[in-house]
mmCIF file of all heavy atoms, coordinates in Angstrom:
data_MODEL
# 
_entry.id   MODEL 
# 
loop_
_atom_site.group_PDB 
_atom_site.id 
_atom_site.type_symbol 
_atom_site.label_atom_id 
_atom_site.label_alt_id 
_atom_site.label_comp_id 
_atom_site.label_asym_id 
_atom_site.label_entity_id 
_atom_site.label_seq_id 
_atom_site.pdbx_PDB_ins_code 
_atom_site.Cartn_x 
_atom_site.Cartn_y 
_atom_site.Cartn_z 
_atom_site.occupancy 
_atom_site.B_iso_or_equiv 
_atom_site.pdbx_formal_charge 
_atom_site.auth_seq_id 
_atom_site.auth_comp_id 
_atom_site.auth_asym_id 
_atom_site.auth_atom_id 
_atom_site.pdbx_PDB_model_num 
ATOM 1   N N   . ALA A 1 1  ? 92.748  -174.446 -198.857 1.00 0.00 ? 1  ALA A N   1 
ATOM 2   C CA  . ALA A 1 1  ? 94.161  -174.583 -198.496 1.00 0.00 ? 1  ALA A CA  1 
ATOM 3   C C   . ALA A 1 1  ? 94.524  -176.050 -198.273 1.00 0.00 ? 1  ALA A C   1 
ATOM 4   O O   . ALA A 1 1  ? 95.561  -176.527 -198.743 1.00 0.00 ? 1  ALA A O   1 
ATOM 5   C CB  . ALA A 1 1  ? 94.470  -173.762 -197.247 1.00 0.00 ? 1  ALA A CB  1 
ATOM 6   N N   . ARG A 1 2  ? 93.645  -176.763 -197.552 1.00 0.00 ? 2  ARG A N   1 
ATOM 7   C CA  . ARG A 1 2  ? 93.956  -178.167 -197.269 1.00 0.00 ? 2  ARG A CA  1 
ATOM 8   C C   . ARG A 1 2  ? 94.009  -178.987 -198.545 1.00 0.00 ? 2  ARG A C   1 
ATOM 9   O O   . ARG A 1 2  ? 94.894  -179.825 -198.709 1.00 0.00 ? 2  ARG A O   1 
ATOM 10  C CB  . ARG A 1 2  ? 92.959  -178.751 -196.264 1.00 0.00 ? 2  ARG A CB  1 
ATOM 11  C CG  . ARG A 1 2  ? 93.326  -178.354 -194.830 1.00 0.00 ? 2  ARG A CG  1 
ATOM 12  C CD  . ARG A 1 2  ? 92.357  -178.860 -193.806 1.00 0.00 ? 2  ARG A CD  1 
ATOM 13  N NE  . ARG A 1 2  ? 92.388  -180.304 -193.673 1.00 0.00 ? 2  ARG A NE  1 
ATOM 14  C CZ  . ARG A 1 2  ? 91.694  -180.977 -192.759 1.00 0.00 ? 2  ARG A CZ  1 
ATOM 15  N NH1 . ARG A 1 2  ? 90.926  -180.334 -191.893 1.00 0.00 ? 2  ARG A NH1 1 
ATOM 16  N NH2 . ARG A 1 2  ? 91.758  -182.283 -192.692 1.00 0.00 ? 2  ARG A NH2 1 
ATOM 17  N N   . ALA A 1 3  ? 93.072  -178.726 -199.455 1.00 0.00 ? 3  ALA A N   1 
ATOM 18  C CA  . ALA A 1 3  ? 93.027  -179.490 -200.702 1.00 0.00 ? 3  ALA A CA  1 
ATOM 19  C C   . ALA A 1 3  ? 94.198  -179.132 -201.622 1.00 0.00 ? 3  ALA A C   1 
ATOM 20  O O   . ALA A 1 3  ? 94.909  -180.013 -202.107 1.00 0.00 ? 3  ALA A O   1 
ATOM 21  C CB  . ALA A 1 3  ? 91.706  -179.244 -201.419 1.00 0.00 ? 3  ALA A CB  1 
ATOM 22  N N   . GLU A 1 4  ? 94.417  -177.831 -201.868 1.00 0.00 ? 4  GLU A N   1 
ATOM 23  C CA  . GLU A 1 4  ? 95.384  -177.423 -202.887 1.00 0.00 ? 4  GLU A CA  1 
ATOM 24  C C   . GLU A 1 4  ? 96.824  -177.418 -202.375 1.00 0.00 ? 4  GLU A C   1 
ATOM 25  O O   . GLU A 1 4  ? 97.758  -177.530 -203.161 1.00 0.00 ? 4  GLU A O   1 
ATOM 26  C CB  . GLU A 1 4  ? 94.990  -176.068 -203.476 1.00 0.00 ? 4  GLU A CB  1 
ATOM 27  C CG  . GLU A 1 4  ? 93.635  -176.151 -204.186 1.00 0.00 ? 4  GLU A CG  1 
ATOM 28  C CD  . GLU A 1 4  ? 93.269  -174.890 -204.956 1.00 0.00 ? 4  GLU A CD  1 
ATOM 29  O OE1 . GLU A 1 4  ? 94.157  -174.057 -205.200 1.00 0.00 ? 4  GLU A OE1 1 
ATOM 30  O OE2 . GLU A 1 4  ? 92.077  -174.758 -205.299 1.00 0.00 ? 4  GLU A OE2 1 
ATOM 31  N N   . LEU A 1 5  ? 96.995  -177.268 -201.054 1.00 0.00 ? 5  LEU A N   1 
ATOM 32  C CA  . LEU A 1 5  ? 98.345  -177.314 -200.493 1.00 0.00 ? 5  LEU A CA  1 
ATOM 33  C C   . LEU A 1 5  ? 98.663  -178.678 -199.870 1.00 0.00 ? 5  LEU A C   1 
ATOM 34  O O   . LEU A 1 5  ? 99.777  -178.923 -199.426 1.00 0.00 ? 5  LEU A O   1 
ATOM 35  C CB  . LEU A 1 5  ? 98.530  -176.210 -199.444 1.00 0.00 ? 5  LEU A CB  1 
ATOM 36  C CG  . LEU A 1 5  ? 98.356  -174.768 -199.952 1.00 0.00 ? 5  LEU A CG  1 
ATOM 37  C CD1 . LEU A 1 5  ? 98.437  -173.774 -198.797 1.00 0.00 ? 5  LEU A CD1 1 
ATOM 38  C CD2 . LEU A 1 5  ? 99.396  -174.428 -201.016 1.00 0.00 ? 5  LEU A CD2 1 
ATOM 39  N N   . GLY A 1 6  ? 97.647  -179.562 -199.844 1.00 0.00 ? 6  GLY A N   1 
ATOM 40  C CA  . GLY A 1 6  ? 97.873  -180.906 -199.318 1.00 0.00 ? 6  GLY A CA  1 
ATOM 41  C C   . GLY A 1 6  ? 98.198  -180.938 -197.836 1.00 0.00 ? 6  GLY A C   1 
ATOM 42  O O   . GLY A 1 6  ? 99.089  -181.674 -197.410 1.00 0.00 ? 6  GLY A O   1 
ATOM 43  N N   . LEU A 1 7  ? 97.485  -180.129 -197.052 1.00 0.00 ? 7  LEU A N   1 
ATOM 44  C CA  . LEU A 1 7  ? 97.806  -180.008 -195.624 1.00 0.00 ? 7  LEU A CA  1 
ATOM 45  C C   . LEU A 1 7  ? 97.166  -181.109 -194.785 1.00 0.00 ? 7  LEU A C   1 
ATOM 46  O O   . LEU A 1 7  ? 96.039  -181.532 -195.042 1.00 0.00 ? 7  LEU A O   1 
ATOM 47  C CB  . LEU A 1 7  ? 97.336  -178.649 -195.093 1.00 0.00 ? 7  LEU A CB  1 
ATOM 48  C CG  . LEU A 1 7  ? 97.861  -177.418 -195.838 1.00 0.00 ? 7  LEU A CG  1 
ATOM 49  C CD1 . LEU A 1 7  ? 97.323  -176.144 -195.205 1.00 0.00 ? 7  LEU A CD1 1 
ATOM 50  C CD2 . LEU A 1 7  ? 99.388  -177.408 -195.877 1.00 0.00 ? 7  LEU A CD2 1 
ATOM 51  N N   . ALA A 1 8  ? 97.886  -181.533 -193.768 1.00 0.00 ? 8  ALA A N   1 
ATOM 52  C CA  . ALA A 1 8  ? 97.357  -182.498 -192.798 1.00 0.00 ? 8  ALA A CA  1 
ATOM 53  C C   . ALA A 1 8  ? 96.417  -181.767 -191.841 1.00 0.00 ? 8  ALA A C   1 
ATOM 54  O O   . ALA A 1 8  ? 96.475  -180.540 -191.729 1.00 0.00 ? 8  ALA A O   1 
ATOM 55  C CB  . ALA A 1 8  ? 98.514  -183.121 -192.015 1.00 0.00 ? 8  ALA A CB  1 
ATOM 56  N N   . PRO A 1 9  ? 95.526  -182.512 -191.136 1.00 0.00 ? 9  PRO A N   1 
ATOM 57  C CA  . PRO A 1 9  ? 94.671  -181.855 -190.141 1.00 0.00 ? 9  PRO A CA  1 
ATOM 58  C C   . PRO A 1 9  ? 95.541  -181.146 -189.098 1.00 0.00 ? 9  PRO A C   1 
ATOM 59  O O   . PRO A 1 9  ? 96.621  -181.636 -188.753 1.00 0.00 ? 9  PRO A O   1 
ATOM 60  C CB  . PRO A 1 9  ? 93.895  -183.012 -189.503 1.00 0.00 ? 9  PRO A CB  1 
ATOM 61  C CG  . PRO A 1 9  ? 93.947  -184.114 -190.503 1.00 0.00 ? 9  PRO A CG  1 
ATOM 62  C CD  . PRO A 1 9  ? 95.266  -183.959 -191.221 1.00 0.00 ? 9  PRO A CD  1 
ATOM 63  N N   . PRO A 1 10 ? 95.105  -179.978 -188.630 1.00 0.00 ? 10 PRO A N   1 
ATOM 64  C CA  . PRO A 1 10 ? 95.940  -179.207 -187.708 1.00 0.00 ? 10 PRO A CA  1 
ATOM 65  C C   . PRO A 1 10 ? 95.981  -179.809 -186.305 1.00 0.00 ? 10 PRO A C   1 
ATOM 66  O O   . PRO A 1 10 ? 95.095  -180.574 -185.910 1.00 0.00 ? 10 PRO A O   1 
ATOM 67  C CB  . PRO A 1 10 ? 95.256  -177.835 -187.684 1.00 0.00 ? 10 PRO A CB  1 
ATOM 68  C CG  . PRO A 1 10 ? 93.828  -178.118 -188.014 1.00 0.00 ? 10 PRO A CG  1 
ATOM 69  C CD  . PRO A 1 10 ? 93.844  -179.285 -188.963 1.00 0.00 ? 10 PRO A CD  1 
ATOM 70  N N   . LEU A 1 11 ? 97.023  -179.454 -185.551 1.00 0.00 ? 11 LEU A N   1 
ATOM 71  C CA  . LEU A 1 11 ? 97.148  -179.849 -184.160 1.00 0.00 ? 11 LEU A CA  1 
ATOM 72  C C   . LEU A 1 11 ? 95.957  -179.284 -183.378 1.00 0.00 ? 11 LEU A C   1 
ATOM 73  O O   . LEU A 1 11 ? 95.661  -178.096 -183.488 1.00 0.00 ? 11 LEU A O   1 
ATOM 74  C CB  . LEU A 1 11 ? 98.454  -179.277 -183.587 1.00 0.00 ? 11 LEU A CB  1 
ATOM 75  C CG  . LEU A 1 11 ? 98.800  -179.600 -182.137 1.00 0.00 ? 11 LEU A CG  1 
ATOM 76  C CD1 . LEU A 1 11 ? 99.154  -181.072 -181.979 1.00 0.00 ? 11 LEU A CD1 1 
ATOM 77  C CD2 . LEU A 1 11 ? 99.965  -178.723 -181.663 1.00 0.00 ? 11 LEU A CD2 1 
ATOM 78  N N   . PRO A 1 12 ? 95.243  -180.113 -182.597 1.00 0.00 ? 12 PRO A N   1 
ATOM 79  C CA  . PRO A 1 12 ? 94.118  -179.592 -181.799 1.00 0.00 ? 12 PRO A CA  1 
ATOM 80  C C   . PRO A 1 12 ? 94.598  -178.516 -180.821 1.00 0.00 ? 12 PRO A C   1 
ATOM 81  O O   . PRO A 1 12 ? 95.688  -178.640 -180.245 1.00 0.00 ? 12 PRO A O   1 
ATOM 82  C CB  . PRO A 1 12 ? 93.608  -180.828 -181.057 1.00 0.00 ? 12 PRO A CB  1 
ATOM 83  C CG  . PRO A 1 12 ? 94.085  -181.995 -181.863 1.00 0.00 ? 12 PRO A CG  1 
ATOM 84  C CD  . PRO A 1 12 ? 95.399  -181.558 -182.447 1.00 0.00 ? 12 PRO A CD  1 
ATOM 85  N N   . TRP A 1 13 ? 93.788  -177.462 -180.642 1.00 0.00 ? 13 TRP A N   1 
ATOM 86  C CA  . TRP A 1 13 ? 94.267  -176.302 -179.896 1.00 0.00 ? 13 TRP A CA  1 
ATOM 87  C C   . TRP A 1 13 ? 94.640  -176.612 -178.448 1.00 0.00 ? 13 TRP A C   1 
ATOM 88  O O   . TRP A 1 13 ? 95.589  -176.023 -177.919 1.00 0.00 ? 13 TRP A O   1 
ATOM 89  C CB  . TRP A 1 13 ? 93.273  -175.138 -179.987 1.00 0.00 ? 13 TRP A CB  1 
ATOM 90  C CG  . TRP A 1 13 ? 91.960  -175.302 -179.271 1.00 0.00 ? 13 TRP A CG  1 
ATOM 91  C CD1 . TRP A 1 13 ? 90.808  -175.803 -179.810 1.00 0.00 ? 13 TRP A CD1 1 
ATOM 92  C CD2 . TRP A 1 13 ? 91.651  -174.930 -177.921 1.00 0.00 ? 13 TRP A CD2 1 
ATOM 93  N NE1 . TRP A 1 13 ? 89.810  -175.779 -178.875 1.00 0.00 ? 13 TRP A NE1 1 
ATOM 94  C CE2 . TRP A 1 13 ? 90.294  -175.241 -177.706 1.00 0.00 ? 13 TRP A CE2 1 
ATOM 95  C CE3 . TRP A 1 13 ? 92.385  -174.369 -176.870 1.00 0.00 ? 13 TRP A CE3 1 
ATOM 96  C CZ2 . TRP A 1 13 ? 89.650  -175.017 -176.490 1.00 0.00 ? 13 TRP A CZ2 1 
ATOM 97  C CZ3 . TRP A 1 13 ? 91.753  -174.135 -175.653 1.00 0.00 ? 13 TRP A CZ3 1 
ATOM 98  C CH2 . TRP A 1 13 ? 90.397  -174.459 -175.472 1.00 0.00 ? 13 TRP A CH2 1 
ATOM 99  N N   . ARG A 1 14 ? 93.951  -177.536 -177.799 1.00 0.00 ? 14 ARG A N   1 
ATOM 100 C CA  . ARG A 1 14 ? 94.291  -177.826 -176.393 1.00 0.00 ? 14 ARG A CA  1 
ATOM 101 C C   . ARG A 1 14 ? 95.708  -178.400 -176.282 1.00 0.00 ? 14 ARG A C   1 
ATOM 102 O O   . ARG A 1 14 ? 96.457  -178.048 -175.378 1.00 0.00 ? 14 ARG A O   1 
ATOM 103 C CB  . ARG A 1 14 ? 93.273  -178.776 -175.767 1.00 0.00 ? 14 ARG A CB  1 
ATOM 104 C CG  . ARG A 1 14 ? 91.953  -178.097 -175.449 1.00 0.00 ? 14 ARG A CG  1 
ATOM 105 C CD  . ARG A 1 14 ? 90.988  -179.011 -174.718 1.00 0.00 ? 14 ARG A CD  1 
ATOM 106 N NE  . ARG A 1 14 ? 89.845  -178.257 -174.232 1.00 0.00 ? 14 ARG A NE  1 
ATOM 107 C CZ  . ARG A 1 14 ? 88.749  -177.997 -174.951 1.00 0.00 ? 14 ARG A CZ  1 
ATOM 108 N NH1 . ARG A 1 14 ? 88.660  -178.454 -176.189 1.00 0.00 ? 14 ARG A NH1 1 
ATOM 109 N NH2 . ARG A 1 14 ? 87.769  -177.290 -174.438 1.00 0.00 ? 14 ARG A NH2 1 
ATOM 110 N N   . ALA A 1 15 ? 96.051  -179.278 -177.218 1.00 0.00 ? 15 ALA A N   1 
ATOM 111 C CA  . ALA A 1 15 ? 97.407  -179.853 -177.235 1.00 0.00 ? 15 ALA A CA  1 
ATOM 112 C C   . ALA A 1 15 ? 98.437  -178.768 -177.543 1.00 0.00 ? 15 ALA A C   1 
ATOM 113 O O   . ALA A 1 15 ? 99.518  -178.726 -176.939 1.00 0.00 ? 15 ALA A O   1 
ATOM 114 C CB  . ALA A 1 15 ? 97.489  -180.973 -178.269 1.00 0.00 ? 15 ALA A CB  1 
ATOM 115 N N   . GLY A 1 16 ? 98.095  -177.895 -178.461 1.00 0.00 ? 16 GLY A N   1 
ATOM 116 C CA  . GLY A 1 16 ? 99.008  -176.811 -178.838 1.00 0.00 ? 16 GLY A CA  1 
ATOM 117 C C   . GLY A 1 16 ? 99.260  -175.843 -177.698 1.00 0.00 ? 16 GLY A C   1 
ATOM 118 O O   . GLY A 1 16 ? 100.397 -175.397 -177.482 1.00 0.00 ? 16 GLY A O   1 
ATOM 119 N N   . ILE A 1 17 ? 98.202  -175.527 -176.954 1.00 0.00 ? 17 ILE A N   1 
ATOM 120 C CA  . ILE A 1 17 ? 98.316  -174.615 -175.813 1.00 0.00 ? 17 ILE A CA  1 
ATOM 121 C C   . ILE A 1 17 ? 99.245  -175.225 -174.759 1.00 0.00 ? 17 ILE A C   1 
ATOM 122 O O   . ILE A 1 17 ? 100.082 -174.535 -174.175 1.00 0.00 ? 17 ILE A O   1 
ATOM 123 C CB  . ILE A 1 17 ? 96.917  -174.379 -175.175 1.00 0.00 ? 17 ILE A CB  1 
ATOM 124 C CG1 . ILE A 1 17 ? 95.996  -173.635 -176.132 1.00 0.00 ? 17 ILE A CG1 1 
ATOM 125 C CG2 . ILE A 1 17 ? 97.028  -173.611 -173.863 1.00 0.00 ? 17 ILE A CG2 1 
ATOM 126 C CD1 . ILE A 1 17 ? 96.434  -172.270 -176.475 1.00 0.00 ? 17 ILE A CD1 1 
ATOM 127 N N   . ARG A 1 18 ? 99.082  -176.522 -174.527 1.00 0.00 ? 18 ARG A N   1 
ATOM 128 C CA  . ARG A 1 18 ? 99.920  -177.209 -173.544 1.00 0.00 ? 18 ARG A CA  1 
ATOM 129 C C   . ARG A 1 18 ? 101.393 -177.120 -173.952 1.00 0.00 ? 18 ARG A C   1 
ATOM 130 O O   . ARG A 1 18 ? 102.273 -176.869 -173.131 1.00 0.00 ? 18 ARG A O   1 
ATOM 131 C CB  . ARG A 1 18 ? 99.466  -178.674 -173.428 1.00 0.00 ? 18 ARG A CB  1 
ATOM 132 C CG  . ARG A 1 18 ? 99.924  -179.375 -172.159 1.00 0.00 ? 18 ARG A CG  1 
ATOM 133 C CD  . ARG A 1 18 ? 99.146  -180.659 -171.918 1.00 0.00 ? 18 ARG A CD  1 
ATOM 134 N NE  . ARG A 1 18 ? 97.735  -180.395 -171.624 1.00 0.00 ? 18 ARG A NE  1 
ATOM 135 C CZ  . ARG A 1 18 ? 96.702  -180.938 -172.280 1.00 0.00 ? 18 ARG A CZ  1 
ATOM 136 N NH1 . ARG A 1 18 ? 96.907  -181.790 -173.256 1.00 0.00 ? 18 ARG A NH1 1 
ATOM 137 N NH2 . ARG A 1 18 ? 95.468  -180.633 -171.943 1.00 0.00 ? 18 ARG A NH2 1 
ATOM 138 N N   . GLN A 1 19 ? 101.638 -177.328 -175.232 1.00 0.00 ? 19 GLN A N   1 
ATOM 139 C CA  . GLN A 1 19 ? 103.000 -177.266 -175.765 1.00 0.00 ? 19 GLN A CA  1 
ATOM 140 C C   . GLN A 1 19 ? 103.602 -175.869 -175.579 1.00 0.00 ? 19 GLN A C   1 
ATOM 141 O O   . GLN A 1 19 ? 104.738 -175.726 -175.128 1.00 0.00 ? 19 GLN A O   1 
ATOM 142 C CB  . GLN A 1 19 ? 102.930 -177.606 -177.257 1.00 0.00 ? 19 GLN A CB  1 
ATOM 143 C CG  . GLN A 1 19 ? 104.161 -178.234 -177.847 1.00 0.00 ? 19 GLN A CG  1 
ATOM 144 C CD  . GLN A 1 19 ? 103.859 -178.746 -179.253 1.00 0.00 ? 19 GLN A CD  1 
ATOM 145 O OE1 . GLN A 1 19 ? 103.008 -179.612 -179.464 1.00 0.00 ? 19 GLN A OE1 1 
ATOM 146 N NE2 . GLN A 1 19 ? 104.544 -178.190 -180.233 1.00 0.00 ? 19 GLN A NE2 1 
ATOM 147 N N   . LEU A 1 20 ? 102.820 -174.833 -175.936 1.00 0.00 ? 20 LEU A N   1 
ATOM 148 C CA  . LEU A 1 20 ? 103.292 -173.450 -175.805 1.00 0.00 ? 20 LEU A CA  1 
ATOM 149 C C   . LEU A 1 20 ? 103.546 -173.100 -174.340 1.00 0.00 ? 20 LEU A C   1 
ATOM 150 O O   . LEU A 1 20 ? 104.539 -172.448 -174.010 1.00 0.00 ? 20 LEU A O   1 
ATOM 151 C CB  . LEU A 1 20 ? 102.274 -172.483 -176.424 1.00 0.00 ? 20 LEU A CB  1 
ATOM 152 C CG  . LEU A 1 20 ? 102.543 -170.980 -176.234 1.00 0.00 ? 20 LEU A CG  1 
ATOM 153 C CD1 . LEU A 1 20 ? 103.936 -170.587 -176.719 1.00 0.00 ? 20 LEU A CD1 1 
ATOM 154 C CD2 . LEU A 1 20 ? 101.477 -170.163 -176.958 1.00 0.00 ? 20 LEU A CD2 1 
ATOM 155 N N   . LEU A 1 21 ? 102.671 -173.568 -173.468 1.00 0.00 ? 21 LEU A N   1 
ATOM 156 C CA  . LEU A 1 21 ? 102.818 -173.302 -172.038 1.00 0.00 ? 21 LEU A CA  1 
ATOM 157 C C   . LEU A 1 21 ? 104.139 -173.887 -171.517 1.00 0.00 ? 21 LEU A C   1 
ATOM 158 O O   . LEU A 1 21 ? 104.861 -173.230 -170.753 1.00 0.00 ? 21 LEU A O   1 
ATOM 159 C CB  . LEU A 1 21 ? 101.628 -173.892 -171.270 1.00 0.00 ? 21 LEU A CB  1 
ATOM 160 C CG  . LEU A 1 21 ? 101.382 -173.347 -169.872 1.00 0.00 ? 21 LEU A CG  1 
ATOM 161 C CD1 . LEU A 1 21 ? 100.943 -171.894 -169.925 1.00 0.00 ? 21 LEU A CD1 1 
ATOM 162 C CD2 . LEU A 1 21 ? 100.309 -174.172 -169.159 1.00 0.00 ? 21 LEU A CD2 1 
ATOM 163 N N   . GLY A 1 22 ? 104.460 -175.108 -171.945 1.00 0.00 ? 22 GLY A N   1 
ATOM 164 C CA  . GLY A 1 22 ? 105.716 -175.740 -171.545 1.00 0.00 ? 22 GLY A CA  1 
ATOM 165 C C   . GLY A 1 22 ? 106.914 -174.917 -171.978 1.00 0.00 ? 22 GLY A C   1 
ATOM 166 O O   . GLY A 1 22 ? 107.864 -174.711 -171.201 1.00 0.00 ? 22 GLY A O   1 
ATOM 167 N N   . TRP A 1 23 ? 106.866 -174.417 -173.211 1.00 0.00 ? 23 TRP A N   1 
ATOM 168 C CA  . TRP A 1 23 ? 107.965 -173.587 -173.733 1.00 0.00 ? 23 TRP A CA  1 
ATOM 169 C C   . TRP A 1 23 ? 108.085 -172.286 -172.937 1.00 0.00 ? 23 TRP A C   1 
ATOM 170 O O   . TRP A 1 23 ? 109.203 -171.869 -172.576 1.00 0.00 ? 23 TRP A O   1 
ATOM 171 C CB  . TRP A 1 23 ? 107.748 -173.291 -175.215 1.00 0.00 ? 23 TRP A CB  1 
ATOM 172 C CG  . TRP A 1 23 ? 108.835 -172.436 -175.808 1.00 0.00 ? 23 TRP A CG  1 
ATOM 173 C CD1 . TRP A 1 23 ? 110.068 -172.853 -176.212 1.00 0.00 ? 23 TRP A CD1 1 
ATOM 174 C CD2 . TRP A 1 23 ? 108.787 -171.025 -176.034 1.00 0.00 ? 23 TRP A CD2 1 
ATOM 175 N NE1 . TRP A 1 23 ? 110.798 -171.777 -176.685 1.00 0.00 ? 23 TRP A NE1 1 
ATOM 176 C CE2 . TRP A 1 23 ? 110.039 -170.649 -176.591 1.00 0.00 ? 23 TRP A CE2 1 
ATOM 177 C CE3 . TRP A 1 23 ? 107.808 -170.046 -175.837 1.00 0.00 ? 23 TRP A CE3 1 
ATOM 178 C CZ2 . TRP A 1 23 ? 110.331 -169.328 -176.947 1.00 0.00 ? 23 TRP A CZ2 1 
ATOM 179 C CZ3 . TRP A 1 23 ? 108.102 -168.734 -176.182 1.00 0.00 ? 23 TRP A CZ3 1 
ATOM 180 C CH2 . TRP A 1 23 ? 109.356 -168.377 -176.734 1.00 0.00 ? 23 TRP A CH2 1 
ATOM 181 N N   . LEU A 1 24 ? 106.938 -171.651 -172.652 1.00 0.00 ? 24 LEU A N   1 
ATOM 182 C CA  . LEU A 1 24 ? 106.947 -170.395 -171.895 1.00 0.00 ? 24 LEU A CA  1 
ATOM 183 C C   . LEU A 1 24 ? 107.521 -170.590 -170.495 1.00 0.00 ? 24 LEU A C   1 
ATOM 184 O O   . LEU A 1 24 ? 108.293 -169.762 -170.007 1.00 0.00 ? 24 LEU A O   1 
ATOM 185 C CB  . LEU A 1 24 ? 105.534 -169.812 -171.802 1.00 0.00 ? 24 LEU A CB  1 
ATOM 186 C CG  . LEU A 1 24 ? 104.976 -169.164 -173.073 1.00 0.00 ? 24 LEU A CG  1 
ATOM 187 C CD1 . LEU A 1 24 ? 103.487 -168.892 -172.921 1.00 0.00 ? 24 LEU A CD1 1 
ATOM 188 C CD2 . LEU A 1 24 ? 105.718 -167.870 -173.398 1.00 0.00 ? 24 LEU A CD2 1 
ATOM 189 N N   . GLN A 1 25 ? 107.142 -171.703 -169.845 1.00 0.00 ? 25 GLN A N   1 
ATOM 190 C CA  . GLN A 1 25 ? 107.659 -171.987 -168.501 1.00 0.00 ? 25 GLN A CA  1 
ATOM 191 C C   . GLN A 1 25 ? 109.178 -172.097 -168.531 1.00 0.00 ? 25 GLN A C   1 
ATOM 192 O O   . GLN A 1 25 ? 109.875 -171.550 -167.680 1.00 0.00 ? 25 GLN A O   1 
ATOM 193 C CB  . GLN A 1 25 ? 107.036 -173.282 -167.950 1.00 0.00 ? 25 GLN A CB  1 
ATOM 194 C CG  . GLN A 1 25 ? 105.631 -173.070 -167.417 1.00 0.00 ? 25 GLN A CG  1 
ATOM 195 C CD  . GLN A 1 25 ? 104.919 -174.386 -167.128 1.00 0.00 ? 25 GLN A CD  1 
ATOM 196 O OE1 . GLN A 1 25 ? 104.998 -175.330 -167.907 1.00 0.00 ? 25 GLN A OE1 1 
ATOM 197 N NE2 . GLN A 1 25 ? 104.213 -174.446 -166.006 1.00 0.00 ? 25 GLN A NE2 1 
ATOM 198 N N   . GLU A 1 26 ? 109.666 -172.798 -169.545 1.00 0.00 ? 26 GLU A N   1 
ATOM 199 C CA  . GLU A 1 26 ? 111.110 -172.980 -169.712 1.00 0.00 ? 26 GLU A CA  1 
ATOM 200 C C   . GLU A 1 26 ? 111.790 -171.627 -169.933 1.00 0.00 ? 26 GLU A C   1 
ATOM 201 O O   . GLU A 1 26 ? 112.774 -171.301 -169.277 1.00 0.00 ? 26 GLU A O   1 
ATOM 202 C CB  . GLU A 1 26 ? 111.331 -173.861 -170.946 1.00 0.00 ? 26 GLU A CB  1 
ATOM 203 C CG  . GLU A 1 26 ? 112.492 -174.809 -170.871 1.00 0.00 ? 26 GLU A CG  1 
ATOM 204 C CD  . GLU A 1 26 ? 112.460 -175.754 -172.056 1.00 0.00 ? 26 GLU A CD  1 
ATOM 205 O OE1 . GLU A 1 26 ? 111.669 -176.725 -172.031 1.00 0.00 ? 26 GLU A OE1 1 
ATOM 206 O OE2 . GLU A 1 26 ? 113.192 -175.502 -173.031 1.00 0.00 ? 26 GLU A OE2 1 
ATOM 207 N N   . GLU A 1 27 ? 111.241 -170.835 -170.856 1.00 0.00 ? 27 GLU A N   1 
ATOM 208 C CA  . GLU A 1 27 ? 111.785 -169.519 -171.185 1.00 0.00 ? 27 GLU A CA  1 
ATOM 209 C C   . GLU A 1 27 ? 111.803 -168.605 -169.964 1.00 0.00 ? 27 GLU A C   1 
ATOM 210 O O   . GLU A 1 27 ? 112.789 -167.934 -169.681 1.00 0.00 ? 27 GLU A O   1 
ATOM 211 C CB  . GLU A 1 27 ? 110.905 -168.848 -172.258 1.00 0.00 ? 27 GLU A CB  1 
ATOM 212 C CG  . GLU A 1 27 ? 111.169 -169.318 -173.640 1.00 0.00 ? 27 GLU A CG  1 
ATOM 213 C CD  . GLU A 1 27 ? 112.452 -168.762 -174.214 1.00 0.00 ? 27 GLU A CD  1 
ATOM 214 O OE1 . GLU A 1 27 ? 112.515 -167.558 -174.513 1.00 0.00 ? 27 GLU A OE1 1 
ATOM 215 O OE2 . GLU A 1 27 ? 113.402 -169.541 -174.349 1.00 0.00 ? 27 GLU A OE2 1 
ATOM 216 N N   . MET A 1 28 ? 110.661 -168.577 -169.245 1.00 0.00 ? 28 MET A N   1 
ATOM 217 C CA  . MET A 1 28 ? 110.530 -167.678 -168.109 1.00 0.00 ? 28 MET A CA  1 
ATOM 218 C C   . MET A 1 28 ? 111.435 -168.141 -166.972 1.00 0.00 ? 28 MET A C   1 
ATOM 219 O O   . MET A 1 28 ? 112.033 -167.343 -166.264 1.00 0.00 ? 28 MET A O   1 
ATOM 220 C CB  . MET A 1 28 ? 109.071 -167.583 -167.679 1.00 0.00 ? 28 MET A CB  1 
ATOM 221 C CG  . MET A 1 28 ? 108.259 -166.750 -168.659 1.00 0.00 ? 28 MET A CG  1 
ATOM 222 S SD  . MET A 1 28 ? 106.462 -167.009 -168.534 1.00 0.00 ? 28 MET A SD  1 
ATOM 223 C CE  . MET A 1 28 ? 106.144 -166.281 -166.927 1.00 0.00 ? 28 MET A CE  1 
# 
């Protein structure tokens, strides 16, 4: 997928979790 679709390295999961947590706090 990375080669044929030209994808950048993915967001590291710890950073992603922090981002989602911030959104959930706001929503809740």
